[in-house]
């Protein structure tokens, strides 16, 4: 995670649909981006097979947020959560399994 001095606000997943996500990528290197994609796929498998929850640390237009939830799907641009909720991949700093 790049912004170690920022405060991370824990939220419930139901609030995700009300957040505003800028278009800018939050990670700095291709290696970090590839690692995020790998962790997203891994977390999705845990969610689909075992209903395991993970911590997703992301950044919206107001700052750093964290949600603990199950990842049901991953596209090249989004994490898919229950009830049609989505988080843009380019705004995710880390996925803690």
PDB file of N, CA and C in Angstrom:
ATOM      1  N   UNK A   1       0.850  -1.167   0.000  1.00  0.00           N
ATOM      2  CA  UNK A   1       0.000   0.000   0.000  1.00  0.00           C
ATOM      3  C   UNK A   1       0.893   1.226   0.000  1.00  0.00           C
ATOM      4  N   UNK A   2       0.566   2.205  -0.794  1.00  0.00           N
ATOM      5  CA  UNK A   2       1.430   3.350  -1.007  1.00  0.00           C
ATOM      6  C   UNK A   2       1.275   4.460   0.023  1.00  0.00           C
ATOM      7  N   UNK A   3       0.121   4.645   0.566  1.00  0.00           N
ATOM      8  CA  UNK A   3      -0.135   5.776   1.451  1.00  0.00           C
ATOM      9  C   UNK A   3      -0.193   5.301   2.890  1.00  0.00           C
ATOM     10  N   UNK A   4       0.957   5.021   3.463  1.00  0.00           N
ATOM     11  CA  UNK A   4       1.004   4.430   4.786  1.00  0.00           C
ATOM     12  C   UNK A   4       0.573   5.382   5.880  1.00  0.00           C
ATOM     13  N   UNK A   5       0.586   6.693   5.647  1.00  0.00           N
ATOM     14  CA  UNK A   5       0.212   7.657   6.673  1.00  0.00           C
ATOM     15  C   UNK A   5      -1.279   7.977   6.667  1.00  0.00           C
ATOM     16  N   UNK A   6      -1.995   7.555   5.635  1.00  0.00           N
ATOM     17  CA  UNK A   6      -3.431   7.811   5.565  1.00  0.00           C
ATOM     18  C   UNK A   6      -4.193   6.953   6.566  1.00  0.00           C
ATOM     19  N   UNK A   7      -5.282   7.491   7.046  1.00  0.00           N
ATOM     20  CA  UNK A   7      -6.177   6.736   7.914  1.00  0.00           C
ATOM     21  C   UNK A   7      -7.091   5.900   7.023  1.00  0.00           C
ATOM     22  N   UNK A   8      -7.262   4.646   7.384  1.00  0.00           N
ATOM     23  CA  UNK A   8      -8.137   3.762   6.629  1.00  0.00           C
ATOM     24  C   UNK A   8      -9.453   3.636   7.392  1.00  0.00           C
ATOM     25  N   UNK A   9     -10.532   4.008   6.729  1.00  0.00           N
ATOM     26  CA  UNK A   9     -11.865   3.962   7.328  1.00  0.00           C
ATOM     27  C   UNK A   9     -12.524   2.643   6.958  1.00  0.00           C
ATOM     28  N   UNK A  10     -12.960   1.901   7.954  1.00  0.00           N
ATOM     29  CA  UNK A  10     -13.665   0.650   7.717  1.00  0.00           C
ATOM     30  C   UNK A  10     -15.133   0.955   7.409  1.00  0.00           C
ATOM     31  N   UNK A  11     -15.642   0.346   6.322  1.00  0.00           N
ATOM     32  CA  UNK A  11     -17.038   0.567   5.935  1.00  0.00           C
ATOM     33  C   UNK A  11     -17.734  -0.771   5.713  1.00  0.00           C
ATOM     34  N   UNK A  12     -19.052  -0.741   5.718  1.00  0.00           N
ATOM     35  CA  UNK A  12     -19.855  -1.902   5.359  1.00  0.00           C
ATOM     36  C   UNK A  12     -19.984  -1.931   3.835  1.00  0.00           C
ATOM     37  N   UNK A  13     -20.068  -3.126   3.263  1.00  0.00           N
ATOM     38  CA  UNK A  13     -20.101  -3.231   1.802  1.00  0.00           C
ATOM     39  C   UNK A  13     -21.304  -2.539   1.174  1.00  0.00           C
ATOM     40  N   UNK A  14     -22.396  -2.383   1.922  1.00  0.00           N
ATOM     41  CA  UNK A  14     -23.591  -1.741   1.381  1.00  0.00           C
ATOM     42  C   UNK A  14     -23.356  -0.271   1.015  1.00  0.00           C
ATOM     43  N   UNK A  15     -22.319   0.352   1.563  1.00  0.00           N
ATOM     44  CA  UNK A  15     -22.026   1.754   1.271  1.00  0.00           C
ATOM     45  C   UNK A  15     -21.193   1.938   0.004  1.00  0.00           C
ATOM     46  N   UNK A  16     -20.676   0.856  -0.555  1.00  0.00           N
ATOM     47  CA  UNK A  16     -19.799   0.947  -1.726  1.00  0.00           C
ATOM     48  C   UNK A  16     -20.497   1.613  -2.901  1.00  0.00           C
ATOM     49  N   UNK A  17     -21.777   1.310  -3.116  1.00  0.00           N
ATOM     50  CA  UNK A  17     -22.476   1.873  -4.273  1.00  0.00           C
ATOM     51  C   UNK A  17     -22.627   3.391  -4.194  1.00  0.00           C
ATOM     52  N   UNK A  18     -22.445   3.972  -3.012  1.00  0.00           N
ATOM     53  CA  UNK A  18     -22.570   5.421  -2.851  1.00  0.00           C
ATOM     54  C   UNK A  18     -21.241   6.156  -3.030  1.00  0.00           C
ATOM     55  N   UNK A  19     -20.143   5.414  -3.197  1.00  0.00           N
ATOM     56  CA  UNK A  19     -18.817   6.021  -3.286  1.00  0.00           C
ATOM     57  C   UNK A  19     -18.508   6.476  -4.705  1.00  0.00           C
ATOM     58  N   UNK A  20     -17.621   7.458  -4.798  1.00  0.00           N
ATOM     59  CA  UNK A  20     -17.165   7.973  -6.083  1.00  0.00           C
ATOM     60  C   UNK A  20     -15.717   7.523  -6.289  1.00  0.00           C
ATOM     61  N   UNK A  21     -15.455   6.866  -7.430  1.00  0.00           N
ATOM     62  CA  UNK A  21     -14.128   6.350  -7.723  1.00  0.00           C
ATOM     63  C   UNK A  21     -13.496   7.104  -8.894  1.00  0.00           C
ATOM     64  N   UNK A  22     -12.413   7.847  -8.637  1.00  0.00           N
ATOM     65  CA  UNK A  22     -11.701   8.523  -9.724  1.00  0.00           C
ATOM     66  C   UNK A  22     -11.115   7.522 -10.722  1.00  0.00           C
ATOM     67  N   UNK A  23     -10.719   8.004 -11.883  1.00  0.00           N
ATOM     68  CA  UNK A  23     -10.201   7.146 -12.953  1.00  0.00           C
ATOM     69  C   UNK A  23      -8.720   6.806 -12.804  1.00  0.00           C
ATOM     70  N   UNK A  24      -7.985   7.503 -11.940  1.00  0.00           N
ATOM     71  CA  UNK A  24      -6.545   7.306 -11.828  1.00  0.00           C
ATOM     72  C   UNK A  24      -6.210   5.995 -11.123  1.00  0.00           C
ATOM     73  N   UNK A  25      -5.160   5.352 -11.601  1.00  0.00           N
ATOM     74  CA  UNK A  25      -4.617   4.138 -10.989  1.00  0.00           C
ATOM     75  C   UNK A  25      -3.930   4.511  -9.678  1.00  0.00           C
ATOM     76  N   UNK A  26      -4.120   3.685  -8.627  1.00  0.00           N
ATOM     77  CA  UNK A  26      -3.517   3.974  -7.326  1.00  0.00           C
ATOM     78  C   UNK A  26      -2.152   3.304  -7.143  1.00  0.00           C
ATOM     79  N   UNK A  27      -1.849   2.283  -7.928  1.00  0.00           N
ATOM     80  CA  UNK A  27      -0.561   1.611  -7.804  1.00  0.00           C
ATOM     81  C   UNK A  27       0.448   2.212  -8.778  1.00  0.00           C
ATOM     82  N   UNK A  28       1.722   2.075  -8.456  1.00  0.00           N
ATOM     83  CA  UNK A  28       2.761   2.780  -9.204  1.00  0.00           C
ATOM     84  C   UNK A  28       3.472   1.951 -10.267  1.00  0.00           C
ATOM     85  N   UNK A  29       3.563   0.644 -10.072  1.00  0.00           N
ATOM     86  CA  UNK A  29       4.376  -0.160 -10.996  1.00  0.00           C
ATOM     87  C   UNK A  29       3.555  -1.288 -11.621  1.00  0.00           C
ATOM     88  N   UNK A  30       4.001  -1.766 -12.784  1.00  0.00           N
ATOM     89  CA  UNK A  30       3.335  -2.924 -13.397  1.00  0.00           C
ATOM     90  C   UNK A  30       3.392  -4.163 -12.496  1.00  0.00           C
ATOM     91  N   UNK A  31       4.464  -4.309 -11.734  1.00  0.00           N
ATOM     92  CA  UNK A  31       4.588  -5.451 -10.821  1.00  0.00           C
ATOM     93  C   UNK A  31       3.504  -5.414  -9.743  1.00  0.00           C
ATOM     94  N   UNK A  32       3.254  -4.231  -9.178  1.00  0.00           N
ATOM     95  CA  UNK A  32       2.200  -4.088  -8.172  1.00  0.00           C
ATOM     96  C   UNK A  32       0.830  -4.392  -8.771  1.00  0.00           C
ATOM     97  N   UNK A  33       0.605  -3.922  -9.976  1.00  0.00           N
ATOM     98  CA  UNK A  33      -0.675  -4.146 -10.651  1.00  0.00           C
ATOM     99  C   UNK A  33      -0.876  -5.634 -10.931  1.00  0.00           C
ATOM    100  N   UNK A  34       0.169  -6.316 -11.395  1.00  0.00           N
ATOM    101  CA  UNK A  34       0.082  -7.761 -11.643  1.00  0.00           C
ATOM    102  C   UNK A  34      -0.163  -8.531 -10.351  1.00  0.00           C
ATOM    103  N   UNK A  35       0.496  -8.124  -9.276  1.00  0.00           N
ATOM    104  CA  UNK A  35       0.302  -8.782  -7.985  1.00  0.00           C
ATOM    105  C   UNK A  35      -1.139  -8.594  -7.497  1.00  0.00           C
ATOM    106  N   UNK A  36      -1.690  -7.401  -7.684  1.00  0.00           N
ATOM    107  CA  UNK A  36      -3.084  -7.149  -7.291  1.00  0.00           C
ATOM    108  C   UNK A  36      -4.026  -8.075  -8.061  1.00  0.00           C
ATOM    109  N   UNK A  37      -3.800  -8.245  -9.342  1.00  0.00           N
ATOM    110  CA  UNK A  37      -4.643  -9.122 -10.159  1.00  0.00           C
ATOM    111  C   UNK A  37      -4.542 -10.564  -9.664  1.00  0.00           C
ATOM    112  N   UNK A  38      -3.330 -11.008  -9.343  1.00  0.00           N
ATOM    113  CA  UNK A  38      -3.122 -12.356  -8.815  1.00  0.00           C
ATOM    114  C   UNK A  38      -3.884 -12.540  -7.499  1.00  0.00           C
ATOM    115  N   UNK A  39      -3.752 -11.577  -6.572  1.00  0.00           N
ATOM    116  CA  UNK A  39      -4.427 -11.662  -5.278  1.00  0.00           C
ATOM    117  C   UNK A  39      -5.954 -11.615  -5.443  1.00  0.00           C
ATOM    118  N   UNK A  40      -6.435 -10.840  -6.404  1.00  0.00           N
ATOM    119  CA  UNK A  40      -7.881 -10.774  -6.657  1.00  0.00           C
ATOM    120  C   UNK A  40      -8.400 -12.131  -7.117  1.00  0.00           C
ATOM    121  N   UNK A  41      -7.683 -12.778  -8.012  1.00  0.00           N
ATOM    122  CA  UNK A  41      -8.089 -14.102  -8.489  1.00  0.00           C
ATOM    123  C   UNK A  41      -8.060 -15.124  -7.357  1.00  0.00           C
ATOM    124  N   UNK A  42      -7.025 -15.054  -6.550  1.00  0.00           N
ATOM    125  CA  UNK A  42      -6.888 -15.967  -5.411  1.00  0.00           C
ATOM    126  C   UNK A  42      -8.033 -15.761  -4.410  1.00  0.00           C
ATOM    127  N   UNK A  43      -8.343 -14.498  -4.105  1.00  0.00           N
ATOM    128  CA  UNK A  43      -9.422 -14.175  -3.175  1.00  0.00           C
ATOM    129  C   UNK A  43     -10.775 -14.619  -3.723  1.00  0.00           C
ATOM    130  N   UNK A  44     -10.966 -14.502  -5.031  1.00  0.00           N
ATOM    131  CA  UNK A  44     -12.217 -14.938  -5.646  1.00  0.00           C
ATOM    132  C   UNK A  44     -12.395 -16.452  -5.476  1.00  0.00           C
ATOM    133  N   UNK A  45     -11.332 -17.207  -5.662  1.00  0.00           N
ATOM    134  CA  UNK A  45     -11.413 -18.661  -5.489  1.00  0.00           C
ATOM    135  C   UNK A  45     -11.787 -19.013  -4.053  1.00  0.00           C
ATOM    136  N   UNK A  46     -11.193 -18.330  -3.092  1.00  0.00           N
ATOM    137  CA  UNK A  46     -11.537 -18.567  -1.693  1.00  0.00           C
ATOM    138  C   UNK A  46     -13.001 -18.226  -1.429  1.00  0.00           C
ATOM    139  N   UNK A  47     -13.479 -17.157  -2.037  1.00  0.00           N
ATOM    140  CA  UNK A  47     -14.871 -16.755  -1.861  1.00  0.00           C
ATOM    141  C   UNK A  47     -15.844 -17.741  -2.476  1.00  0.00           C
ATOM    142  N   UNK A  48     -15.524 -18.216  -3.678  1.00  0.00           N
ATOM    143  CA  UNK A  48     -16.424 -19.133  -4.374  1.00  0.00           C
ATOM    144  C   UNK A  48     -16.439 -20.523  -3.756  1.00  0.00           C
ATOM    145  N   UNK A  49     -15.298 -20.992  -3.309  1.00  0.00           N
ATOM    146  CA  UNK A  49     -15.230 -22.356  -2.777  1.00  0.00           C
ATOM    147  C   UNK A  49     -15.559 -22.449  -1.296  1.00  0.00           C
ATOM    148  N   UNK A  50     -15.143 -21.444  -0.524  1.00  0.00           N
ATOM    149  CA  UNK A  50     -15.254 -21.540   0.930  1.00  0.00           C
ATOM    150  C   UNK A  50     -16.048 -20.402   1.569  1.00  0.00           C
ATOM    151  N   UNK A  51     -16.527 -19.454   0.766  1.00  0.00           N
ATOM    152  CA  UNK A  51     -17.222 -18.258   1.248  1.00  0.00           C
ATOM    153  C   UNK A  51     -16.351 -17.476   2.242  1.00  0.00           C
ATOM    154  N   UNK A  52     -15.030 -17.546   2.063  1.00  0.00           N
ATOM    155  CA  UNK A  52     -14.105 -16.811   2.921  1.00  0.00           C
ATOM    156  C   UNK A  52     -14.141 -15.326   2.601  1.00  0.00           C
ATOM    157  N   UNK A  53     -14.114 -14.516   3.653  1.00  0.00           N
ATOM    158  CA  UNK A  53     -14.057 -13.071   3.493  1.00  0.00           C
ATOM    159  C   UNK A  53     -12.609 -12.608   3.460  1.00  0.00           C
ATOM    160  N   UNK A  54     -12.369 -11.520   2.735  1.00  0.00           N
ATOM    161  CA  UNK A  54     -11.055 -10.893   2.674  1.00  0.00           C
ATOM    162  C   UNK A  54     -11.213  -9.409   2.989  1.00  0.00           C
ATOM    163  N   UNK A  55     -10.115  -8.764   3.293  1.00  0.00           N
ATOM    164  CA  UNK A  55     -10.119  -7.320   3.510  1.00  0.00           C
ATOM    165  C   UNK A  55      -9.619  -6.651   2.230  1.00  0.00           C
ATOM    166  N   UNK A  56     -10.435  -5.738   1.707  1.00  0.00           N
ATOM    167  CA  UNK A  56     -10.089  -5.012   0.496  1.00  0.00           C
ATOM    168  C   UNK A  56      -9.792  -3.575   0.917  1.00  0.00           C
ATOM    169  N   UNK A  57      -8.564  -3.142   0.661  1.00  0.00           N
ATOM    170  CA  UNK A  57      -8.163  -1.775   0.992  1.00  0.00           C
ATOM    171  C   UNK A  57      -8.125  -0.992  -0.314  1.00  0.00           C
ATOM    172  N   UNK A  58      -8.944   0.045  -0.379  1.00  0.00           N
ATOM    173  CA  UNK A  58      -9.096   0.786  -1.623  1.00  0.00           C
ATOM    174  C   UNK A  58      -9.201   2.278  -1.331  1.00  0.00           C
ATOM    175  N   UNK A  59      -9.194   3.050  -2.393  1.00  0.00           N
ATOM    176  CA  UNK A  59      -9.241   4.505  -2.262  1.00  0.00           C
ATOM    177  C   UNK A  59     -10.344   5.064  -3.150  1.00  0.00           C
ATOM    178  N   UNK A  60     -11.264   5.802  -2.527  1.00  0.00           N
ATOM    179  CA  UNK A  60     -12.281   6.503  -3.306  1.00  0.00           C
ATOM    180  C   UNK A  60     -11.875   7.971  -3.389  1.00  0.00           C
ATOM    181  N   UNK A  61     -12.785   8.841  -3.785  1.00  0.00           N
ATOM    182  CA  UNK A  61     -12.446  10.262  -3.952  1.00  0.00           C
ATOM    183  C   UNK A  61     -12.202  10.965  -2.623  1.00  0.00           C
ATOM    184  N   UNK A  62     -12.610  10.344  -1.509  1.00  0.00           N
ATOM    185  CA  UNK A  62     -12.452  10.977  -0.200  1.00  0.00           C
ATOM    186  C   UNK A  62     -11.289  10.421   0.607  1.00  0.00           C
ATOM    187  N   UNK A  63     -10.731   9.281   0.223  1.00  0.00           N
ATOM    188  CA  UNK A  63      -9.608   8.721   0.962  1.00  0.00           C
ATOM    189  C   UNK A  63      -9.637   7.209   1.015  1.00  0.00           C
ATOM    190  N   UNK A  64      -8.827   6.675   1.925  1.00  0.00           N
ATOM    191  CA  UNK A  64      -8.646   5.234   2.053  1.00  0.00           C
ATOM    192  C   UNK A  64      -9.815   4.600   2.801  1.00  0.00           C
ATOM    193  N   UNK A  65     -10.242   3.445   2.286  1.00  0.00           N
ATOM    194  CA  UNK A  65     -11.342   2.701   2.895  1.00  0.00           C
ATOM    195  C   UNK A  65     -10.939   1.226   2.954  1.00  0.00           C
ATOM    196  N   UNK A  66     -11.628   0.484   3.838  1.00  0.00           N
ATOM    197  CA  UNK A  66     -11.433  -0.952   3.940  1.00  0.00           C
ATOM    198  C   UNK A  66     -12.785  -1.599   4.134  1.00  0.00           C
ATOM    199  N   UNK A  67     -13.015  -2.678   3.405  1.00  0.00           N
ATOM    200  CA  UNK A  67     -14.242  -3.445   3.554  1.00  0.00           C
ATOM    201  C   UNK A  67     -13.863  -4.913   3.677  1.00  0.00           C
ATOM    202  N   UNK A  68     -14.560  -5.619   4.553  1.00  0.00           N
ATOM    203  CA  UNK A  68     -14.349  -7.057   4.699  1.00  0.00           C
ATOM    204  C   UNK A  68     -15.543  -7.753   4.092  1.00  0.00           C
ATOM    205  N   UNK A  69     -15.292  -8.533   3.043  1.00  0.00           N
ATOM    206  CA  UNK A  69     -16.383  -9.145   2.303  1.00  0.00           C
ATOM    207  C   UNK A  69     -15.868 -10.330   1.495  1.00  0.00           C
ATOM    208  N   UNK A  70     -16.766 -10.993   0.808  1.00  0.00           N
ATOM    209  CA  UNK A  70     -16.437 -12.097  -0.081  1.00  0.00           C
ATOM    210  C   UNK A  70     -16.393 -11.581  -1.512  1.00  0.00           C
ATOM    211  N   UNK A  71     -15.364 -11.973  -2.246  1.00  0.00           N
ATOM    212  CA  UNK A  71     -15.248 -11.604  -3.664  1.00  0.00           C
ATOM    213  C   UNK A  71     -15.852 -12.745  -4.483  1.00  0.00           C
ATOM    214  N   UNK A  72     -16.859 -12.414  -5.297  1.00  0.00           N
ATOM    215  CA  UNK A  72     -17.546 -13.436  -6.092  1.00  0.00           C
ATOM    216  C   UNK A  72     -17.047 -13.511  -7.528  1.00  0.00           C
ATOM    217  N   UNK A  73     -16.425 -12.432  -8.010  1.00  0.00           N
ATOM    218  CA  UNK A  73     -15.935 -12.448  -9.379  1.00  0.00           C
ATOM    219  C   UNK A  73     -14.886 -11.375  -9.603  1.00  0.00           C
ATOM    220  N   UNK A  74     -14.101 -11.570 -10.667  1.00  0.00           N
ATOM    221  CA  UNK A  74     -13.063 -10.610 -11.034  1.00  0.00           C
ATOM    222  C   UNK A  74     -13.097 -10.455 -12.546  1.00  0.00           C
ATOM    223  N   UNK A  75     -13.155  -9.210 -13.007  1.00  0.00           N
ATOM    224  CA  UNK A  75     -12.994  -8.935 -14.432  1.00  0.00           C
ATOM    225  C   UNK A  75     -11.665  -8.204 -14.596  1.00  0.00           C
ATOM    226  N   UNK A  76     -11.363  -7.797 -15.804  1.00  0.00           N
ATOM    227  CA  UNK A  76     -10.116  -7.054 -16.005  1.00  0.00           C
ATOM    228  C   UNK A  76     -10.192  -5.650 -15.404  1.00  0.00           C
ATOM    229  N   UNK A  77     -11.392  -5.196 -15.030  1.00  0.00           N
ATOM    230  CA  UNK A  77     -11.547  -3.844 -14.499  1.00  0.00           C
ATOM    231  C   UNK A  77     -12.203  -3.750 -13.132  1.00  0.00           C
ATOM    232  N   UNK A  78     -12.824  -4.834 -12.637  1.00  0.00           N
ATOM    233  CA  UNK A  78     -13.610  -4.720 -11.398  1.00  0.00           C
ATOM    234  C   UNK A  78     -13.552  -5.978 -10.543  1.00  0.00           C
ATOM    235  N   UNK A  79     -13.743  -5.767  -9.233  1.00  0.00           N
ATOM    236  CA  UNK A  79     -14.054  -6.856  -8.312  1.00  0.00           C
ATOM    237  C   UNK A  79     -15.562  -6.899  -8.185  1.00  0.00           C
ATOM    238  N   UNK A  80     -16.137  -8.076  -8.256  1.00  0.00           N
ATOM    239  CA  UNK A  80     -17.577  -8.239  -8.147  1.00  0.00           C
ATOM    240  C   UNK A  80     -17.911  -8.825  -6.781  1.00  0.00           C
ATOM    241  N   UNK A  81     -18.808  -8.148  -6.080  1.00  0.00           N
ATOM    242  CA  UNK A  81     -19.220  -8.559  -4.748  1.00  0.00           C
ATOM    243  C   UNK A  81     -20.690  -8.971  -4.793  1.00  0.00           C
ATOM    244  N   UNK A  82     -21.230  -9.405  -3.671  1.00  0.00           N
ATOM    245  CA  UNK A  82     -22.650  -9.761  -3.593  1.00  0.00           C
ATOM    246  C   UNK A  82     -23.529  -8.569  -3.931  1.00  0.00           C
ATOM    247  N   UNK A  83     -24.740  -8.873  -4.353  1.00  0.00           N
ATOM    248  CA  UNK A  83     -25.775  -7.881  -4.667  1.00  0.00           C
ATOM    249  C   UNK A  83     -25.372  -6.912  -5.785  1.00  0.00           C
ATOM    250  N   UNK A  84     -24.529  -7.352  -6.682  1.00  0.00           N
ATOM    251  CA  UNK A  84     -24.138  -6.525  -7.812  1.00  0.00           C
ATOM    252  C   UNK A  84     -23.195  -5.384  -7.484  1.00  0.00           C
ATOM    253  N   UNK A  85     -22.622  -5.385  -6.297  1.00  0.00           N
ATOM    254  CA  UNK A  85     -21.684  -4.328  -5.917  1.00  0.00           C
ATOM    255  C   UNK A  85     -20.337  -4.574  -6.583  1.00  0.00           C
ATOM    256  N   UNK A  86     -19.651  -3.478  -6.932  1.00  0.00           N
ATOM    257  CA  UNK A  86     -18.372  -3.567  -7.622  1.00  0.00           C
ATOM    258  C   UNK A  86     -17.398  -2.529  -7.082  1.00  0.00           C
ATOM    259  N   UNK A  87     -16.116  -2.884  -7.118  1.00  0.00           N
ATOM    260  CA  UNK A  87     -15.045  -1.940  -6.803  1.00  0.00           C
ATOM    261  C   UNK A  87     -14.100  -1.958  -7.997  1.00  0.00           C
ATOM    262  N   UNK A  88     -13.781  -0.787  -8.566  1.00  0.00           N
ATOM    263  CA  UNK A  88     -12.834  -0.753  -9.680  1.00  0.00           C
ATOM    264  C   UNK A  88     -11.452  -1.243  -9.225  1.00  0.00           C
ATOM    265  N   UNK A  89     -10.863  -2.151  -9.998  1.00  0.00           N
ATOM    266  CA  UNK A  89      -9.544  -2.682  -9.646  1.00  0.00           C
ATOM    267  C   UNK A  89      -8.489  -1.581  -9.547  1.00  0.00           C
ATOM    268  N   UNK A  90      -8.579  -0.573 -10.405  1.00  0.00           N
ATOM    269  CA  UNK A  90      -7.540   0.462 -10.417  1.00  0.00           C
ATOM    270  C   UNK A  90      -7.544   1.332  -9.159  1.00  0.00           C
ATOM    271  N   UNK A  91      -8.535   1.148  -8.279  1.00  0.00           N
ATOM    272  CA  UNK A  91      -8.597   1.904  -7.031  1.00  0.00           C
ATOM    273  C   UNK A  91      -8.230   1.053  -5.808  1.00  0.00           C
ATOM    274  N   UNK A  92      -7.856  -0.210  -6.030  1.00  0.00           N
ATOM    275  CA  UNK A  92      -7.532  -1.118  -4.925  1.00  0.00           C
ATOM    276  C   UNK A  92      -6.041  -1.097  -4.653  1.00  0.00           C
ATOM    277  N   UNK A  93      -5.699  -0.839  -3.387  1.00  0.00           N
ATOM    278  CA  UNK A  93      -4.305  -0.862  -2.951  1.00  0.00           C
ATOM    279  C   UNK A  93      -3.860  -2.259  -2.562  1.00  0.00           C
ATOM    280  N   UNK A  94      -4.740  -3.005  -1.876  1.00  0.00           N
ATOM    281  CA  UNK A  94      -4.326  -4.301  -1.363  1.00  0.00           C
ATOM    282  C   UNK A  94      -5.554  -5.174  -1.090  1.00  0.00           C
ATOM    283  N   UNK A  95      -5.349  -6.478  -1.170  1.00  0.00           N
ATOM    284  CA  UNK A  95      -6.351  -7.460  -0.788  1.00  0.00           C
ATOM    285  C   UNK A  95      -5.670  -8.366   0.233  1.00  0.00           C
ATOM    286  N   UNK A  96      -6.195  -8.358   1.449  1.00  0.00           N
ATOM    287  CA  UNK A  96      -5.585  -9.131   2.536  1.00  0.00           C
ATOM    288  C   UNK A  96      -6.408 -10.390   2.753  1.00  0.00           C
ATOM    289  N   UNK A  97      -5.767 -11.526   2.508  1.00  0.00           N
ATOM    290  CA  UNK A  97      -6.439 -12.816   2.606  1.00  0.00           C
ATOM    291  C   UNK A  97      -6.195 -13.422   3.979  1.00  0.00           C
TER     292      UNK A  97
END
